[in-house]
Protein backbone atom coordinates (compact mmCIF):
# COMPACT_ATOMS: atom_id res chain seq x y z
CA MET A 1 0.00 0.00 0.00
CA ASN A 2 1.62 3.28 -1.18
CA TYR A 3 -0.73 5.57 0.76
CA PHE A 4 -1.36 6.15 4.46
CA VAL A 5 -4.56 5.33 6.38
CA HIS A 6 -4.74 6.10 10.08
CA PRO A 7 -5.56 3.05 12.25
CA SER A 8 -8.77 4.75 13.41
CA ALA A 9 -10.01 5.38 9.85
CA ILE A 10 -12.19 3.06 7.73
CA CYS A 11 -11.00 3.02 4.12
CA GLU A 12 -13.01 0.47 2.07
CA SER A 13 -11.84 1.81 -1.29
CA LYS A 14 -8.77 0.43 -3.02
CA LYS A 15 -8.72 3.29 -5.54
CA ILE A 16 -6.46 5.58 -3.54
CA GLY A 17 -3.54 7.37 -5.19
CA GLU A 18 0.11 7.41 -4.13
CA LYS A 19 1.13 9.48 -1.12
CA THR A 20 -2.44 10.26 -0.14
CA ARG A 21 -3.03 10.50 3.62
CA VAL A 22 -6.31 9.52 5.30
CA TRP A 23 -6.57 10.59 8.92
CA ALA A 24 -8.45 9.45 12.03
CA PHE A 25 -12.18 8.67 12.10
CA THR A 26 -12.60 9.14 8.35
CA HIS A 27 -14.79 6.69 6.43
CA ILE A 28 -14.34 6.11 2.68
CA LEU A 29 -16.83 3.82 0.90
CA PRO A 30 -15.70 1.11 -1.57
CA ASN A 31 -16.32 2.80 -4.94
CA ALA A 32 -14.86 6.21 -4.16
CA LYS A 33 -11.86 7.27 -6.28
CA ILE A 34 -9.18 9.44 -4.69
CA GLY A 35 -6.09 10.72 -6.48
CA SER A 36 -2.49 11.05 -5.38
CA GLU A 37 -0.98 13.34 -2.74
CA CYS A 38 -4.37 14.16 -1.20
CA ASN A 39 -4.86 15.01 2.46
CA VAL A 40 -8.15 13.81 3.95
CA CYS A 41 -8.41 15.06 7.53
CA ASP A 42 -10.26 13.74 10.59
CA HIS A 43 -14.01 12.97 10.63
CA VAL A 44 -14.53 13.06 6.86
CA PHE A 45 -17.11 10.83 5.14
CA ILE A 46 -16.74 10.03 1.41
CA GLU A 47 -19.57 8.18 -0.33
CA ASN A 48 -19.38 5.80 -3.34
CA ASP A 49 -20.08 7.91 -6.45
CA VAL A 50 -17.30 10.37 -5.68
CA VAL A 51 -14.24 11.25 -7.76
CA ILE A 52 -11.42 13.25 -6.19
CA GLY A 53 -8.39 14.42 -8.15
CA ASP A 54 -4.75 14.85 -7.19
CA ARG A 55 -3.40 17.11 -4.42
CA VAL A 56 -6.83 17.77 -2.95
CA THR A 57 -7.14 18.87 0.67
CA ILE A 58 -10.33 18.05 2.61
CA LYS A 59 -10.35 19.49 6.11
CA CYS A 60 -12.15 18.07 9.14
CA GLY A 61 -15.88 17.48 9.36
CA VAL A 62 -16.73 17.31 5.62
CA GLN A 63 -19.15 14.86 4.00
CA VAL A 64 -18.65 14.26 0.27
CA TRP A 65 -21.85 12.70 -1.03
CA ASP A 66 -22.67 10.68 -4.16
CA GLY A 67 -22.44 12.83 -7.29
CA VAL A 68 -19.69 15.16 -6.04
CA SER A 69 -16.45 15.46 -8.03
CA LEU A 70 -13.40 17.45 -6.95
CA GLU A 71 -10.75 18.15 -9.59
CA ASP A 72 -7.01 18.54 -8.97
CA ASP A 73 -5.67 21.00 -6.38
CA VAL A 74 -9.05 21.74 -4.78
CA PHE A 75 -9.22 22.92 -1.16
CA ILE A 76 -12.29 22.10 0.95
CA GLY A 77 -12.40 23.90 4.31
CA SER A 78 -13.63 22.43 7.57
CA ASN A 79 -17.33 21.60 7.88
CA VAL A 80 -18.17 22.46 4.27
CA THR A 81 -21.61 21.02 3.45
CA PHE A 82 -22.27 19.44 0.06
CA THR A 83 -25.79 18.43 -1.00
CA ASN A 84 -26.97 16.12 -3.78
CA ASP A 85 -30.79 16.13 -3.65
CA PRO A 86 -32.67 19.41 -4.29
CA PHE A 87 -35.91 18.06 -2.75
CA PRO A 88 -34.93 15.54 -0.05
CA ARG A 89 -37.51 13.40 1.74
CA SER A 90 -36.91 10.74 4.35
CA LYS A 91 -36.77 7.25 2.80
CA GLN A 92 -37.49 8.67 -0.67
CA TYR A 93 -34.53 8.46 -3.04
CA PRO A 94 -34.12 10.07 -6.49
CA THR A 95 -33.39 7.88 -9.50
CA ALA A 96 -30.10 9.79 -9.84
CA PHE A 97 -28.36 12.26 -7.57
CA SER A 98 -27.47 15.74 -8.82
CA LYS A 99 -23.89 16.20 -10.01
CA THR A 100 -21.74 18.80 -8.28
CA LEU A 101 -18.36 19.70 -9.75
CA VAL A 102 -15.57 21.69 -8.12
CA ARG A 103 -13.08 22.59 -10.84
CA ARG A 104 -9.32 22.54 -10.54
CA GLY A 105 -7.65 24.91 -8.09
CA ALA A 106 -10.90 26.14 -6.51
CA SER A 107 -11.15 26.75 -2.76
CA ILE A 108 -14.23 26.52 -0.53
CA GLY A 109 -14.05 28.20 2.88
CA ALA A 110 -15.12 26.72 6.21
CA ASN A 111 -18.83 26.13 6.84
CA ALA A 112 -19.88 27.01 3.28
CA THR A 113 -22.95 25.21 1.90
CA ILE A 114 -22.96 24.08 -1.74
CA LEU A 115 -26.41 23.32 -3.18
CA SER A 116 -26.75 20.31 -5.47
CA GLY A 117 -26.04 20.40 -9.20
CA ILE A 118 -23.64 23.34 -9.03
CA THR A 119 -20.27 23.88 -10.72
CA ILE A 120 -17.59 25.86 -8.91
CA GLY A 121 -15.30 27.23 -11.63
CA ILE A 122 -11.54 26.98 -12.09
CA GLN A 123 -9.57 28.81 -9.36
CA ALA A 124 -12.80 30.22 -7.87
CA MET A 125 -12.93 31.03 -4.17
CA VAL A 126 -16.00 30.56 -1.98
CA GLY A 127 -15.92 32.54 1.27
CA ALA A 128 -16.44 31.00 4.70
CA GLY A 129 -20.09 30.49 5.53
CA ALA A 130 -21.33 31.27 2.01
CA VAL A 131 -24.46 29.56 0.68
CA VAL A 132 -23.86 28.85 -2.99
CA THR A 133 -27.12 28.59 -4.94
CA HIS A 134 -25.83 29.06 -8.51
CA ASP A 135 -22.76 28.16 -10.57
CA VAL A 136 -19.64 30.13 -9.68
CA PRO A 137 -17.68 31.41 -12.73
CA PRO A 138 -13.95 30.69 -13.14
CA TYR A 139 -11.74 32.81 -10.84
CA ALA A 140 -14.74 34.45 -9.13
CA LYS A 141 -14.75 35.24 -5.40
CA VAL A 142 -18.18 34.78 -3.80
CA VAL A 143 -19.47 35.47 -0.29
CA GLY A 144 -22.76 35.72 1.56
CA ASN A 145 -26.20 34.08 1.57
CA PRO A 146 -27.04 33.69 -1.22
CA ALA A 147 -23.45 33.90 -2.45
CA ARG A 148 -22.65 36.80 -4.78
CA ILE A 149 -19.52 37.79 -6.66
CA ILE A 150 -17.35 40.40 -4.97
CA GLY A 151 -14.23 40.10 -7.11
CA TYR A 152 -11.98 37.84 -9.14
CA THR A 153 -8.85 36.03 -8.00
CA HIS A 154 -5.48 37.16 -9.43
CA SER A 155 -7.19 40.32 -10.70
CA HIS A 156 -5.78 43.70 -9.72
CA ALA A 157 -7.72 46.92 -10.17
CA GLN A 158 -6.33 49.21 -12.87
CA SER A 159 -6.27 52.80 -11.67
CA VAL A 160 -6.19 55.35 -14.47
CA SER A 161 -6.25 59.05 -13.75
CA VAL A 162 -8.51 60.86 -16.20
CA SER A 163 -7.43 64.45 -16.79
CA GLU A 164 -9.74 67.44 -17.00
CA THR A 165 -9.50 67.60 -20.78
CA GLY A 166 -8.83 63.95 -21.55
CA VAL A 167 -6.67 62.50 -24.31
CA ALA A 168 -8.13 61.99 -27.77
CA LEU A 169 -5.64 59.49 -29.16
CA GLY A 170 -3.98 56.33 -27.86
CA GLY A 171 -4.63 54.46 -24.65
CA HIS A 172 -3.08 53.24 -21.43
CA ALA A 173 -1.91 49.63 -21.71
CA THR A 174 -3.06 47.15 -19.08
CA ALA A 175 -1.53 43.83 -18.05
CA VAL A 176 -3.97 42.08 -20.41
CA LYS A 177 -2.84 41.61 -24.00
CA GLY A 178 -4.44 44.16 -26.34
CA VAL A 179 -6.65 45.74 -23.66
CA ASN A 180 -6.22 49.51 -23.33
CA VAL A 181 -7.94 52.11 -21.20
CA TYR A 182 -8.73 55.35 -23.04
CA GLU A 183 -9.17 58.88 -21.75
CA LEU A 184 -11.63 60.69 -24.00
CA PRO A 185 -11.81 64.48 -24.35
CA LEU A 186 -13.85 66.19 -21.66
CA VAL A 187 -14.95 69.81 -22.08
CA LYS A 188 -16.44 71.50 -19.02
CA ASP A 189 -18.75 74.46 -19.44
CA LEU A 190 -21.21 76.41 -17.31
CA ARG A 191 -23.91 75.25 -19.71
CA GLY A 192 -22.98 71.58 -19.15
CA ASN A 193 -20.11 69.19 -19.82
CA LEU A 194 -19.29 67.43 -23.07
CA SER A 195 -17.26 64.33 -23.92
CA VAL A 196 -16.55 63.20 -27.46
CA GLY A 197 -14.98 60.23 -29.23
CA GLU A 198 -13.93 59.75 -32.86
CA PHE A 199 -14.22 56.33 -34.44
CA GLU A 200 -10.94 54.78 -35.62
CA ARG A 201 -9.14 57.41 -33.54
CA SER A 202 -10.14 57.61 -29.88
CA VAL A 203 -12.32 54.54 -30.46
CA PRO A 204 -9.85 52.24 -32.23
CA PHE A 205 -12.26 50.72 -34.79
CA LEU A 206 -15.33 51.60 -36.84
CA PRO A 207 -18.45 50.28 -35.04
CA GLN A 208 -21.27 48.46 -36.79
CA ARG A 209 -23.59 48.48 -33.80
CA TYR A 210 -23.97 49.64 -30.22
CA PHE A 211 -25.96 48.49 -27.21
CA LEU A 212 -26.79 49.84 -23.77
CA VAL A 213 -26.85 47.92 -20.49
CA PHE A 214 -28.84 49.50 -17.68
CA ASP A 215 -31.18 48.72 -14.75
CA VAL A 216 -28.85 45.86 -13.73
CA PRO A 217 -30.02 44.40 -10.39
CA SER A 218 -27.55 44.74 -7.54
CA GLY A 219 -24.92 42.02 -7.50
CA LYS A 220 -25.66 40.69 -10.99
CA VAL A 221 -22.84 39.84 -13.39
CA ARG A 222 -22.95 40.31 -17.16
CA GLY A 223 -20.63 39.43 -20.00
CA GLU A 224 -18.78 36.21 -19.11
CA HIS A 225 -17.79 35.55 -22.71
CA ALA A 226 -15.22 36.32 -25.38
CA HIS A 227 -15.51 37.03 -29.11
CA LYS A 228 -13.69 35.36 -31.98
CA GLN A 229 -13.61 38.41 -34.28
CA CYS A 230 -15.55 41.26 -32.70
CA HIS A 231 -13.91 44.24 -30.95
CA GLN A 232 -15.76 46.07 -28.17
CA PHE A 233 -15.34 49.52 -26.63
CA LEU A 234 -17.06 50.10 -23.29
CA ILE A 235 -17.97 53.42 -21.64
CA CYS A 236 -20.06 53.76 -18.50
CA ILE A 237 -21.86 56.95 -19.44
CA LYS A 238 -23.66 57.18 -16.09
CA GLY A 239 -22.80 55.71 -12.69
CA SER A 240 -20.07 53.10 -12.56
CA CYS A 241 -19.26 49.46 -13.18
CA ALA A 242 -16.16 47.27 -13.21
CA VAL A 243 -14.81 45.36 -16.21
CA VAL A 244 -12.64 42.27 -15.76
CA ALA A 245 -10.52 41.44 -18.82
CA ASP A 246 -8.65 38.14 -19.21
CA ASP A 247 -6.32 37.03 -22.02
CA GLY A 248 -5.84 33.51 -20.66
CA SER A 249 -2.62 34.43 -18.85
CA ASN A 250 -3.30 37.78 -17.20
CA ARG A 251 -6.41 39.22 -15.63
CA GLN A 252 -7.16 42.82 -14.70
CA GLU A 253 -10.11 44.74 -13.30
CA ILE A 254 -10.84 48.20 -14.69
CA LEU A 255 -13.27 50.59 -12.99
CA LEU A 256 -15.36 52.63 -15.42
CA ASP A 257 -16.67 55.52 -13.35
CA ARG A 258 -16.61 58.54 -15.71
CA PRO A 259 -18.24 59.21 -19.08
CA ASN A 260 -14.87 60.09 -20.65
CA LYS A 261 -13.17 56.82 -19.72
CA GLY A 262 -13.39 53.78 -21.98
CA VAL A 263 -11.83 50.36 -22.35
CA HIS A 264 -11.11 48.44 -25.55
CA LEU A 265 -11.61 44.66 -25.47
CA PRO A 266 -10.11 43.01 -28.59
CA PRO A 267 -11.13 39.56 -29.87
CA ILE A 268 -10.14 36.52 -27.77
CA THR A 269 -10.47 38.48 -24.55
CA TRP A 270 -12.68 37.07 -21.82
CA GLY A 271 -14.78 39.93 -20.48
CA VAL A 272 -16.94 40.27 -17.38
CA GLN A 273 -18.88 43.31 -16.15
CA TYR A 274 -20.08 43.60 -12.58
CA LYS A 275 -20.25 45.97 -9.56
CA TYR A 276 -22.91 48.01 -11.35
CA SER A 277 -24.11 51.06 -9.42
CA THR A 278 -27.88 51.39 -9.26
CA ASP A 279 -27.84 54.22 -11.82
CA ALA A 280 -25.25 52.69 -14.16
CA ILE A 281 -25.67 52.90 -17.93
CA LEU A 282 -23.01 51.04 -19.90
CA LEU A 283 -22.57 51.95 -23.58
CA VAL A 284 -20.83 49.34 -25.74
CA PHE A 285 -19.67 49.87 -29.34
CA ALA A 286 -19.08 46.67 -31.35
CA SER A 287 -17.05 46.32 -34.54
CA ASP A 288 -19.45 43.78 -36.07
CA TYR A 289 -23.14 43.09 -36.41
CA TYR A 290 -24.57 40.59 -33.94
CA ASP A 291 -23.52 37.02 -34.72
CA ALA A 292 -24.29 34.31 -32.17
CA GLY A 293 -21.54 32.16 -33.69
CA ASP A 294 -18.89 34.76 -32.81
CA TYR A 295 -19.42 34.28 -29.07
CA ILE A 296 -17.25 32.03 -26.90
CA ARG A 297 -19.34 31.37 -23.79
CA ASP A 298 -17.44 28.44 -22.29
CA PHE A 299 -14.23 29.32 -20.45
CA ASP A 300 -12.59 25.96 -21.25
CA GLU A 301 -13.25 26.53 -24.96
CA PHE A 302 -11.75 30.01 -24.60
CA MET A 303 -8.61 28.56 -23.00
CA ASP A 304 -8.35 25.92 -25.74
CA ILE A 305 -8.37 28.68 -28.38
CA VAL A 306 -5.79 30.72 -26.45
CA ASN A 307 -3.47 27.73 -26.01
CA ALA A 308 -3.82 26.67 -29.65
CA ALA A 309 -2.66 30.13 -30.75
CA LYS A 310 0.54 29.97 -28.70
């Protein structure tokens, strides 16, 4: 046996990877699959239809029920509660249990509750005590009951100082490939202020359409996709919102809080908009007419395209 099981543990499964450690008073049922170099702490129960990847840490007091899968490098904090039946009744069993997936590198804080049938995205982080009722996007940080997104991991806010008059040409480079923040001209007058942009100059392409996003409920997230060919230029013309841009290697958060501040998202850039103020109106110029086939809505597909281009 090339793994360790504490004498006080019950490990009925033989599908345990190398260098995995199973500690006291843990019970693992026969059909569970556990990868290598995992650490399963005291008082953990792992049911049959469970798949656990490599280098997973499960802290004390966790029950991993049928239908739960944990990918590589996942961290599960103490007393995290998984569920697998959305409408449980005593002595009444569903024909199949809901599938819950925690993607690679994600972390779930102590005492969080994960409702059945949910996917926790790659590198996401669930705060302690959160009640997760919907899928969590890749890299998102969620807290509260019900859990809501408060930020993104490995994403640093981009602070850009917008001058009184603005800058008509060029942009400020961010850490994300091809993503630039633009300062548009701002003219202040006693009769009212004016901001202007020129297509193919201050807006670095000729738009074929525009759309407005407004009346976004508090805490809601929009975007969560990339485009294959389409460029976008975003300006929050009233209120504020945050844009998270991701090129597959780097991620940055840009606050749009003035009507003369815009951000250019080129193709093959994963974009998310959130932190909308109650009065926010987001104006988006697009380089192409609407084409459903131009959208990349799955983050894994996005990463496949990014990696294939390297």
